[in-house]
Amino acid sequence: MSDAAQRLDELLALMARLRDPQRGCPWDRAQDFASIAPFTIEEAYEVAEAITVNDPGQLRDELGDLLFQVVFHAQLGAERGWFDFAAVAAGIHDKLLRRHPHVFAATGAAADTDAPASTDLARAWESHKASERAARGATGALAHVPLALPALSRAAKLTRRAARVGFDWPDEAAVRPKIAEELRETEQAIAAGVPAAIEEELGDTLFALVNWARQLGVDPEQALRLANRKFERRFAGMEGLLAQRGLEPGALSAEAWEGLWNEVKRAE
């Protein structure tokens, strides 16, 4: 047995022990799919954060936490007689074989070395996914876009799906007038003072920006994540300047804050 297989067996056994009705952990025994789902999402984001900060040790640890979430869900499935970890692993193994016909021949041997272009591979991948959705009875280009996705990521996925069937702008420049239109409508809603209309029009503006990001080849979720980190970094820099100068944040005017912000920005 390989070291990886041994470690995985140990992890699966540990999970079963934690869920043991008599000797397990009370907290782990009390969980179900719904209660664990938020932790699964959180761990996935912590993996993304570790990648963003380029910390190998943190990435290793966070991948372990995410793997534990998969093991937890597999244990819950096994207890209900639905599936176990082996079935989960077999399912993804078989799916990857199906979706990589350019790599694996029907016999399981490697295909020829004339690999298709990456754009062709992306189209083929999506075609396979669409066929699998259709086999499950899902109809429509936008079927099965997970509701649990962050709103920006879900908007990007919806627009990609729509674009694949031809509902799209010809290029990124064509999206800009739509953004300007949505901004005008948001301003009109603000002038009218109707909160529901403001929310709706601001949402439309964000959706148009997501379309623009897609046309530019930018992941809007990642772009906003980076913007958040930049804001945090610069705000911490302003707090450092305030501490050095013995100033209280609450006593600063808007102009003073702007001056500090620009000072930190220039220093970068």
Protein backbone atom coordinates (compact mmCIF):
# COMPACT_ATOMS: atom_id res chain seq x y z
CA MET A 1 0.00 0.00 0.00
CA SER A 2 1.32 3.45 -0.92
CA ASP A 3 1.80 6.10 1.74
CA ALA A 4 -1.03 8.15 0.21
CA ALA A 5 -3.43 5.18 0.32
CA GLN A 6 -2.44 4.41 3.90
CA ARG A 7 -2.97 8.00 5.02
CA LEU A 8 -6.35 8.11 3.29
CA ASP A 9 -7.42 4.87 4.96
CA GLU A 10 -6.40 6.34 8.31
CA LEU A 11 -8.42 9.48 7.63
CA LEU A 12 -11.50 7.46 6.63
CA ALA A 13 -11.17 5.35 9.80
CA LEU A 14 -10.82 8.48 11.93
CA MET A 15 -13.97 9.94 10.38
CA ALA A 16 -15.91 6.76 11.08
CA ARG A 17 -14.68 6.87 14.70
CA LEU A 18 -15.81 10.48 15.08
CA ARG A 19 -19.29 9.48 13.90
CA ASP A 20 -19.49 6.35 16.05
CA PRO A 21 -22.90 6.42 17.81
CA GLN A 22 -21.45 5.30 21.16
CA ARG A 23 -17.83 6.45 21.19
CA GLY A 24 -17.76 9.32 18.72
CA CYS A 25 -17.62 13.09 19.13
CA PRO A 26 -20.99 14.63 20.09
CA TRP A 27 -20.49 17.54 17.70
CA ASP A 28 -19.53 15.36 14.73
CA ARG A 29 -22.40 12.95 15.43
CA ALA A 30 -24.89 15.83 15.42
CA GLN A 31 -23.97 17.01 11.91
CA ASP A 32 -25.73 16.31 8.62
CA PHE A 33 -25.18 17.35 4.99
CA ALA A 34 -26.90 20.71 5.46
CA SER A 35 -25.02 21.66 8.62
CA ILE A 36 -21.65 20.72 7.11
CA ALA A 37 -22.21 22.46 3.76
CA PRO A 38 -21.26 25.98 5.00
CA PHE A 39 -17.96 24.62 6.35
CA THR A 40 -17.27 22.95 3.00
CA ILE A 41 -17.75 26.27 1.20
CA GLU A 42 -15.60 28.08 3.78
CA GLU A 43 -12.76 25.57 3.39
CA ALA A 44 -12.83 25.94 -0.39
CA TYR A 45 -12.39 29.69 0.01
CA GLU A 46 -9.55 29.19 2.45
CA VAL A 47 -7.80 27.06 -0.18
CA ALA A 48 -8.25 29.92 -2.66
CA GLU A 49 -6.87 32.38 -0.09
CA ALA A 50 -3.77 30.24 0.46
CA ILE A 51 -3.20 30.18 -3.30
CA THR A 52 -3.61 33.96 -3.48
CA VAL A 53 -1.00 34.61 -0.77
CA ASN A 54 1.31 31.96 -2.30
CA ASP A 55 1.88 30.14 1.00
CA PRO A 56 2.71 26.44 0.36
CA GLY A 57 2.39 25.41 4.00
CA GLN A 58 -0.97 27.11 4.37
CA LEU A 59 -2.14 25.61 1.08
CA ARG A 60 -1.19 22.11 2.25
CA ASP A 61 -3.12 22.58 5.50
CA GLU A 62 -6.17 24.07 3.80
CA LEU A 63 -6.26 21.28 1.22
CA GLY A 64 -6.28 18.86 4.15
CA ASP A 65 -9.24 20.68 5.67
CA LEU A 66 -11.07 20.54 2.34
CA LEU A 67 -10.30 16.83 1.95
CA PHE A 68 -11.76 16.25 5.40
CA GLN A 69 -14.98 17.87 4.22
CA VAL A 70 -15.19 15.37 1.34
CA VAL A 71 -14.50 12.51 3.76
CA PHE A 72 -17.19 13.84 6.12
CA HIS A 73 -19.81 13.98 3.36
CA ALA A 74 -18.80 10.51 2.16
CA GLN A 75 -19.23 9.13 5.69
CA LEU A 76 -22.70 10.68 5.92
CA GLY A 77 -23.56 9.11 2.57
CA ALA A 78 -22.28 5.70 3.67
CA GLU A 79 -24.35 5.82 6.85
CA ARG A 80 -27.48 6.38 4.75
CA GLY A 81 -26.55 3.65 2.28
CA TRP A 82 -26.27 6.18 -0.55
CA PHE A 83 -22.53 6.07 -1.41
CA ASP A 84 -19.15 5.82 0.28
CA PHE A 85 -15.77 7.42 -0.38
CA ALA A 86 -14.84 4.69 -2.87
CA ALA A 87 -17.97 5.46 -4.89
CA VAL A 88 -17.17 9.18 -4.83
CA ALA A 89 -13.61 8.54 -6.04
CA ALA A 90 -14.79 6.07 -8.69
CA GLY A 91 -17.38 8.55 -9.94
CA ILE A 92 -14.91 11.37 -10.50
CA HIS A 93 -12.35 8.95 -11.97
CA ASP A 94 -14.85 7.70 -14.56
CA LYS A 95 -16.09 11.21 -15.30
CA LEU A 96 -12.55 12.44 -16.01
CA LEU A 97 -11.98 9.49 -18.33
CA ARG A 98 -15.16 10.38 -20.25
CA ARG A 99 -14.24 14.04 -20.49
CA HIS A 100 -10.69 13.44 -21.74
CA PRO A 101 -11.09 11.30 -24.86
CA HIS A 102 -8.12 13.19 -26.36
CA VAL A 103 -5.94 11.70 -23.59
CA PHE A 104 -7.42 8.25 -23.01
CA ALA A 105 -8.30 5.89 -25.84
CA ALA A 106 -11.27 3.56 -25.49
CA THR A 107 -8.95 0.84 -24.22
CA GLY A 108 -7.50 3.11 -21.55
CA ALA A 109 -4.23 3.60 -23.38
CA ALA A 110 -2.87 7.07 -24.04
CA ALA A 111 -4.15 8.73 -27.19
CA ASP A 112 -1.86 10.19 -29.83
CA THR A 113 0.30 13.19 -29.05
CA ASP A 114 -1.54 15.61 -31.38
CA ALA A 115 -3.49 17.29 -28.60
CA PRO A 116 -6.33 19.66 -29.55
CA ALA A 117 -6.02 23.39 -28.85
CA SER A 118 -7.05 24.56 -25.39
CA THR A 119 -10.08 26.43 -26.77
CA ASP A 120 -11.27 23.26 -28.51
CA LEU A 121 -10.75 21.33 -25.29
CA ALA A 122 -12.81 23.84 -23.34
CA ARG A 123 -15.66 23.54 -25.83
CA ALA A 124 -15.46 19.75 -25.72
CA TRP A 125 -15.44 19.80 -21.91
CA GLU A 126 -18.57 21.92 -21.81
CA SER A 127 -20.20 19.69 -24.42
CA HIS A 128 -19.55 16.66 -22.22
CA LYS A 129 -20.98 18.47 -19.21
CA ALA A 130 -24.07 19.51 -21.17
CA SER A 131 -24.61 15.90 -22.27
CA GLU A 132 -24.33 14.73 -18.66
CA ARG A 133 -26.84 17.36 -17.52
CA ALA A 134 -29.23 16.29 -20.27
CA ALA A 135 -28.86 12.66 -19.20
CA ARG A 136 -29.93 13.71 -15.70
CA GLY A 137 -33.03 15.37 -17.15
CA ALA A 138 -31.75 18.95 -16.88
CA THR A 139 -32.98 21.12 -19.75
CA GLY A 140 -31.96 24.61 -20.82
CA ALA A 141 -28.57 26.25 -21.17
CA LEU A 142 -28.72 27.67 -17.63
CA ALA A 143 -29.77 24.46 -15.87
CA HIS A 144 -27.91 23.42 -12.72
CA VAL A 145 -25.87 26.57 -12.10
CA PRO A 146 -25.48 26.18 -8.32
CA LEU A 147 -27.42 28.66 -6.21
CA ALA A 148 -24.78 28.36 -3.48
CA LEU A 149 -22.13 30.02 -5.64
CA PRO A 150 -21.16 33.57 -4.68
CA ALA A 151 -23.30 36.00 -6.68
CA LEU A 152 -20.39 37.28 -8.80
CA SER A 153 -19.22 33.76 -9.65
CA ARG A 154 -22.76 32.62 -10.42
CA ALA A 155 -23.36 35.64 -12.66
CA ALA A 156 -20.15 34.86 -14.56
CA LYS A 157 -21.18 31.23 -15.00
CA LEU A 158 -24.67 32.20 -16.17
CA THR A 159 -23.27 34.60 -18.77
CA ARG A 160 -20.75 32.00 -19.99
CA ARG A 161 -23.53 29.46 -20.45
CA ALA A 162 -25.68 32.00 -22.32
CA ALA A 163 -22.74 33.02 -24.51
CA ARG A 164 -22.16 29.42 -25.59
CA VAL A 165 -25.57 29.32 -27.25
CA GLY A 166 -25.05 32.69 -28.95
CA PHE A 167 -26.56 35.15 -26.46
CA ASP A 168 -23.62 37.52 -26.15
CA TRP A 169 -22.06 40.82 -27.18
CA PRO A 170 -19.61 40.67 -30.10
CA ASP A 171 -16.70 42.05 -28.03
CA GLU A 172 -15.84 43.88 -24.82
CA ALA A 173 -16.34 47.33 -26.32
CA ALA A 174 -19.99 46.51 -27.03
CA VAL A 175 -20.64 45.92 -23.32
CA ARG A 176 -19.64 49.41 -22.23
CA PRO A 177 -22.78 51.20 -23.45
CA LYS A 178 -24.83 48.67 -21.49
CA ILE A 179 -22.87 49.53 -18.34
CA ALA A 180 -23.50 53.24 -18.97
CA GLU A 181 -27.20 52.52 -19.52
CA GLU A 182 -27.48 50.60 -16.27
CA LEU A 183 -25.66 53.36 -14.39
CA ARG A 184 -28.14 55.93 -15.74
CA GLU A 185 -31.07 53.75 -14.67
CA THR A 186 -29.51 53.35 -11.22
CA GLU A 187 -29.19 57.13 -10.94
CA GLN A 188 -32.83 57.51 -11.97
CA ALA A 189 -33.86 55.02 -9.29
CA ILE A 190 -31.83 56.94 -6.70
CA ALA A 191 -33.50 60.18 -7.78
CA ALA A 192 -36.91 58.52 -7.44
CA GLY A 193 -35.99 57.36 -3.95
CA VAL A 194 -37.42 53.84 -4.38
CA PRO A 195 -35.19 51.36 -2.45
CA ALA A 196 -36.39 48.27 -4.36
CA ALA A 197 -35.72 49.96 -7.70
CA ILE A 198 -32.26 51.09 -6.54
CA GLU A 199 -31.41 47.52 -5.54
CA GLU A 200 -32.67 46.14 -8.84
CA GLU A 201 -30.84 48.65 -11.03
CA LEU A 202 -27.62 48.38 -9.05
CA GLY A 203 -27.84 44.60 -9.49
CA ASP A 204 -28.26 45.07 -13.24
CA THR A 205 -25.16 47.31 -13.24
CA LEU A 206 -23.13 44.68 -11.42
CA PHE A 207 -24.38 42.02 -13.84
CA ALA A 208 -23.28 44.15 -16.80
CA LEU A 209 -19.84 44.58 -15.19
CA VAL A 210 -19.58 40.80 -14.83
CA ASN A 211 -20.29 40.47 -18.55
CA TRP A 212 -17.56 43.00 -19.27
CA ALA A 213 -15.13 41.07 -17.05
CA ARG A 214 -15.93 37.86 -18.94
CA GLN A 215 -15.33 39.55 -22.28
CA LEU A 216 -11.98 40.80 -20.95
CA GLY A 217 -11.02 37.34 -19.72
CA VAL A 218 -11.13 38.40 -16.07
CA ASP A 219 -12.64 36.34 -13.25
CA PRO A 220 -14.79 38.95 -11.44
CA GLU A 221 -14.68 37.05 -8.14
CA GLN A 222 -10.88 36.97 -8.21
CA ALA A 223 -10.70 40.61 -9.31
CA LEU A 224 -12.86 41.70 -6.38
CA ARG A 225 -10.91 39.46 -4.01
CA LEU A 226 -7.69 41.19 -5.07
CA ALA A 227 -9.35 44.59 -4.71
CA ASN A 228 -10.43 43.65 -1.19
CA ARG A 229 -6.87 42.67 -0.27
CA LYS A 230 -5.53 45.94 -1.72
CA PHE A 231 -8.06 47.92 0.30
CA GLU A 232 -7.16 46.04 3.47
CA ARG A 233 -3.45 46.63 2.85
CA ARG A 234 -3.87 50.35 2.21
CA PHE A 235 -6.25 50.83 5.11
CA ALA A 236 -3.75 49.14 7.42
CA GLY A 237 -1.12 51.53 6.03
CA MET A 238 -3.32 54.52 6.93
CA GLU A 239 -3.83 53.12 10.43
CA GLY A 240 -0.06 52.85 10.75
CA LEU A 241 0.37 56.51 9.79
CA LEU A 242 -2.31 57.56 12.27
CA ALA A 243 -0.55 55.67 15.05
CA GLN A 244 2.81 57.23 14.14
CA ARG A 245 1.31 60.71 14.23
CA GLY A 246 -0.79 60.21 17.35
CA LEU A 247 -4.05 60.92 15.53
CA GLU A 248 -7.47 59.47 16.32
CA PRO A 249 -9.38 58.06 13.33
CA GLY A 250 -12.69 59.50 14.49
CA ALA A 251 -11.31 63.03 14.48
CA LEU A 252 -10.28 63.03 10.82
CA SER A 253 -12.20 64.88 8.13
CA ALA A 254 -13.03 63.30 4.78
CA GLU A 255 -10.27 65.41 3.22
CA ALA A 256 -7.73 64.16 5.77
CA TRP A 257 -8.69 60.56 5.08
CA GLU A 258 -8.29 61.19 1.35
CA GLY A 259 -4.86 62.67 1.95
CA LEU A 260 -3.78 59.63 3.96
CA TRP A 261 -5.10 57.28 1.32
CA ASN A 262 -3.18 59.03 -1.43
CA GLU A 263 -0.04 59.06 0.73
CA VAL A 264 -0.23 55.28 1.23
CA LYS A 265 -1.04 54.78 -2.45
CA ARG A 266 2.01 56.81 -3.54
CA ALA A 267 4.23 54.84 -1.17
CA GLU A 268 3.24 51.62 -2.91
